[in-house]
Amino acid sequence: MVFTVRSSDLHGMSANDLENVAHGLAPAGNEREEMRVLEARVRRFEIDYEMSSAEMMRQVASGERKETADIARWRVLWSMLDDGRHVRR
């Protein structure tokens, strides 16, 4: 199943709905493997757009770059990766 997600779509969603969206973006499995897959998917966006995730998020937040469906997916994946890193600490 493929999801198209804009970050504006995520506002107001319940935790359960957000979890369902996340499961559509990252494979289920062990935590270490999930993190590896998330890292690879985020890195692919960074390569394709030739910039870091932090720079992309800064540009979207400042209005320099319009958020597309691709960028929204990237933002969700990056957020999931960041959340996972905080949980593992």
C-alpha atoms as a PDB file:
ATOM      1  CA  MET A   1       0.000   0.000   0.000  1.00  0.00           C
ATOM      2  CA  VAL A   2       1.352   3.449  -0.910  1.00  0.00           C
ATOM      3  CA  PHE A   3       0.563   6.624   1.020  1.00  0.00           C
ATOM      4  CA  THR A   4       0.828  10.198  -0.138  1.00  0.00           C
ATOM      5  CA  VAL A   5       1.264  12.401   2.897  1.00  0.00           C
ATOM      6  CA  ARG A   6       1.698  16.138   3.387  1.00  0.00           C
ATOM      7  CA  SER A   7       2.708  17.307   6.840  1.00  0.00           C
ATOM      8  CA  SER A   8      -0.426  19.482   6.885  1.00  0.00           C
ATOM      9  CA  ASP A   9      -2.434  16.235   6.628  1.00  0.00           C
ATOM     10  CA  LEU A  10      -0.882  15.058   9.883  1.00  0.00           C
ATOM     11  CA  HIS A  11      -2.126  17.949  11.997  1.00  0.00           C
ATOM     12  CA  GLY A  12      -5.080  16.910  14.106  1.00  0.00           C
ATOM     13  CA  MET A  13      -4.632  13.182  13.494  1.00  0.00           C
ATOM     14  CA  SER A  14      -4.954  10.851  16.429  1.00  0.00           C
ATOM     15  CA  ALA A  15      -1.897   8.960  17.666  1.00  0.00           C
ATOM     16  CA  ASN A  16      -3.374   5.773  16.209  1.00  0.00           C
ATOM     17  CA  ASP A  17      -3.852   7.386  12.790  1.00  0.00           C
ATOM     18  CA  LEU A  18      -0.289   8.753  12.862  1.00  0.00           C
ATOM     19  CA  GLU A  19       0.999   5.288  13.709  1.00  0.00           C
ATOM     20  CA  ASN A  20      -0.911   3.830  10.751  1.00  0.00           C
ATOM     21  CA  VAL A  21       0.651   6.417   8.431  1.00  0.00           C
ATOM     22  CA  ALA A  22       4.092   5.622   9.838  1.00  0.00           C
ATOM     23  CA  HIS A  23       3.631   1.898   9.247  1.00  0.00           C
ATOM     24  CA  GLY A  24       2.911   2.693   5.602  1.00  0.00           C
ATOM     25  CA  LEU A  25       6.224   4.528   5.326  1.00  0.00           C
ATOM     26  CA  ALA A  26       8.555   2.202   7.218  1.00  0.00           C
ATOM     27  CA  PRO A  27       8.635  -1.574   7.293  1.00  0.00           C
ATOM     28  CA  ALA A  28       7.794  -3.533  10.405  1.00  0.00           C
ATOM     29  CA  GLY A  29      10.579  -5.565  11.931  1.00  0.00           C
ATOM     30  CA  ASN A  30      13.143  -5.295  14.634  1.00  0.00           C
ATOM     31  CA  GLU A  31      13.997  -1.801  15.835  1.00  0.00           C
ATOM     32  CA  ARG A  32      17.582  -1.820  14.591  1.00  0.00           C
ATOM     33  CA  GLU A  33      16.511  -2.908  11.103  1.00  0.00           C
ATOM     34  CA  GLU A  34      13.730  -0.303  11.033  1.00  0.00           C
ATOM     35  CA  MET A  35      16.242   2.413  11.938  1.00  0.00           C
ATOM     36  CA  ARG A  36      18.625   1.202   9.223  1.00  0.00           C
ATOM     37  CA  VAL A  37      15.844   1.307   6.628  1.00  0.00           C
ATOM     38  CA  LEU A  38      14.719   4.769   7.774  1.00  0.00           C
ATOM     39  CA  GLU A  39      18.315   6.035   7.580  1.00  0.00           C
ATOM     40  CA  ALA A  40      18.665   4.663   4.044  1.00  0.00           C
ATOM     41  CA  ARG A  41      15.381   6.205   2.902  1.00  0.00           C
ATOM     42  CA  VAL A  42      16.252   9.599   4.406  1.00  0.00           C
ATOM     43  CA  ARG A  43      19.722   9.438   2.859  1.00  0.00           C
ATOM     44  CA  ARG A  44      18.165   8.726  -0.544  1.00  0.00           C
ATOM     45  CA  PHE A  45      16.172  11.981  -0.295  1.00  0.00           C
ATOM     46  CA  GLU A  46      19.331  13.866   0.731  1.00  0.00           C
ATOM     47  CA  ILE A  47      21.166  12.500  -2.298  1.00  0.00           C
ATOM     48  CA  ASP A  48      18.279  13.192  -4.681  1.00  0.00           C
ATOM     49  CA  TYR A  49      17.803  16.768  -3.442  1.00  0.00           C
ATOM     50  CA  GLU A  50      21.546  17.336  -2.870  1.00  0.00           C
ATOM     51  CA  MET A  51      21.079  18.745   0.640  1.00  0.00           C
ATOM     52  CA  SER A  52      20.825  17.632   4.222  1.00  0.00           C
ATOM     53  CA  SER A  53      17.511  16.911   5.868  1.00  0.00           C
ATOM     54  CA  ALA A  54      18.080  19.802   8.277  1.00  0.00           C
ATOM     55  CA  GLU A  55      18.578  22.213   5.368  1.00  0.00           C
ATOM     56  CA  MET A  56      15.458  20.965   3.588  1.00  0.00           C
ATOM     57  CA  MET A  57      13.383  21.369   6.747  1.00  0.00           C
ATOM     58  CA  ARG A  58      14.780  24.882   7.242  1.00  0.00           C
ATOM     59  CA  GLN A  59      13.860  25.835   3.681  1.00  0.00           C
ATOM     60  CA  VAL A  60      10.309  24.486   4.021  1.00  0.00           C
ATOM     61  CA  ALA A  61       9.812  26.178   7.404  1.00  0.00           C
ATOM     62  CA  SER A  62      11.045  29.521   6.060  1.00  0.00           C
ATOM     63  CA  GLY A  63       8.915  29.305   2.907  1.00  0.00           C
ATOM     64  CA  GLU A  64      11.944  29.162   0.592  1.00  0.00           C
ATOM     65  CA  ARG A  65      10.796  25.782  -0.704  1.00  0.00           C
ATOM     66  CA  LYS A  66       7.265  24.584  -1.284  1.00  0.00           C
ATOM     67  CA  GLU A  67       6.317  21.330   0.412  1.00  0.00           C
ATOM     68  CA  THR A  68       5.560  18.625  -2.134  1.00  0.00           C
ATOM     69  CA  ALA A  69       4.314  15.091  -1.510  1.00  0.00           C
ATOM     70  CA  ASP A  70       7.935  13.872  -1.745  1.00  0.00           C
ATOM     71  CA  ILE A  71       9.138  16.431   0.761  1.00  0.00           C
ATOM     72  CA  ALA A  72       6.266  15.581   3.114  1.00  0.00           C
ATOM     73  CA  ARG A  73       7.290  11.908   3.000  1.00  0.00           C
ATOM     74  CA  TRP A  74      10.868  12.949   3.674  1.00  0.00           C
ATOM     75  CA  ARG A  75       9.771  15.075   6.648  1.00  0.00           C
ATOM     76  CA  VAL A  76       7.781  12.195   8.143  1.00  0.00           C
ATOM     77  CA  LEU A  77      10.645   9.730   7.676  1.00  0.00           C
ATOM     78  CA  TRP A  78      13.164  12.169   9.125  1.00  0.00           C
ATOM     79  CA  SER A  79      10.893  12.826  12.104  1.00  0.00           C
ATOM     80  CA  MET A  80      10.448   9.079  12.678  1.00  0.00           C
ATOM     81  CA  LEU A  81      14.215   8.595  12.478  1.00  0.00           C
ATOM     82  CA  ASP A  82      14.823  11.441  14.916  1.00  0.00           C
ATOM     83  CA  ASP A  83      12.165  10.111  17.307  1.00  0.00           C
ATOM     84  CA  GLY A  84      13.729   6.644  17.144  1.00  0.00           C
ATOM     85  CA  ARG A  85      17.151   8.052  17.959  1.00  0.00           C
ATOM     86  CA  HIS A  86      15.766   9.863  21.002  1.00  0.00           C
ATOM     87  CA  VAL A  87      14.031   6.708  22.249  1.00  0.00           C
ATOM     88  CA  ARG A  88      17.218   4.626  21.949  1.00  0.00           C
ATOM     89  CA  ARG A  89      19.256   7.056  24.087  1.00  0.00           C
END
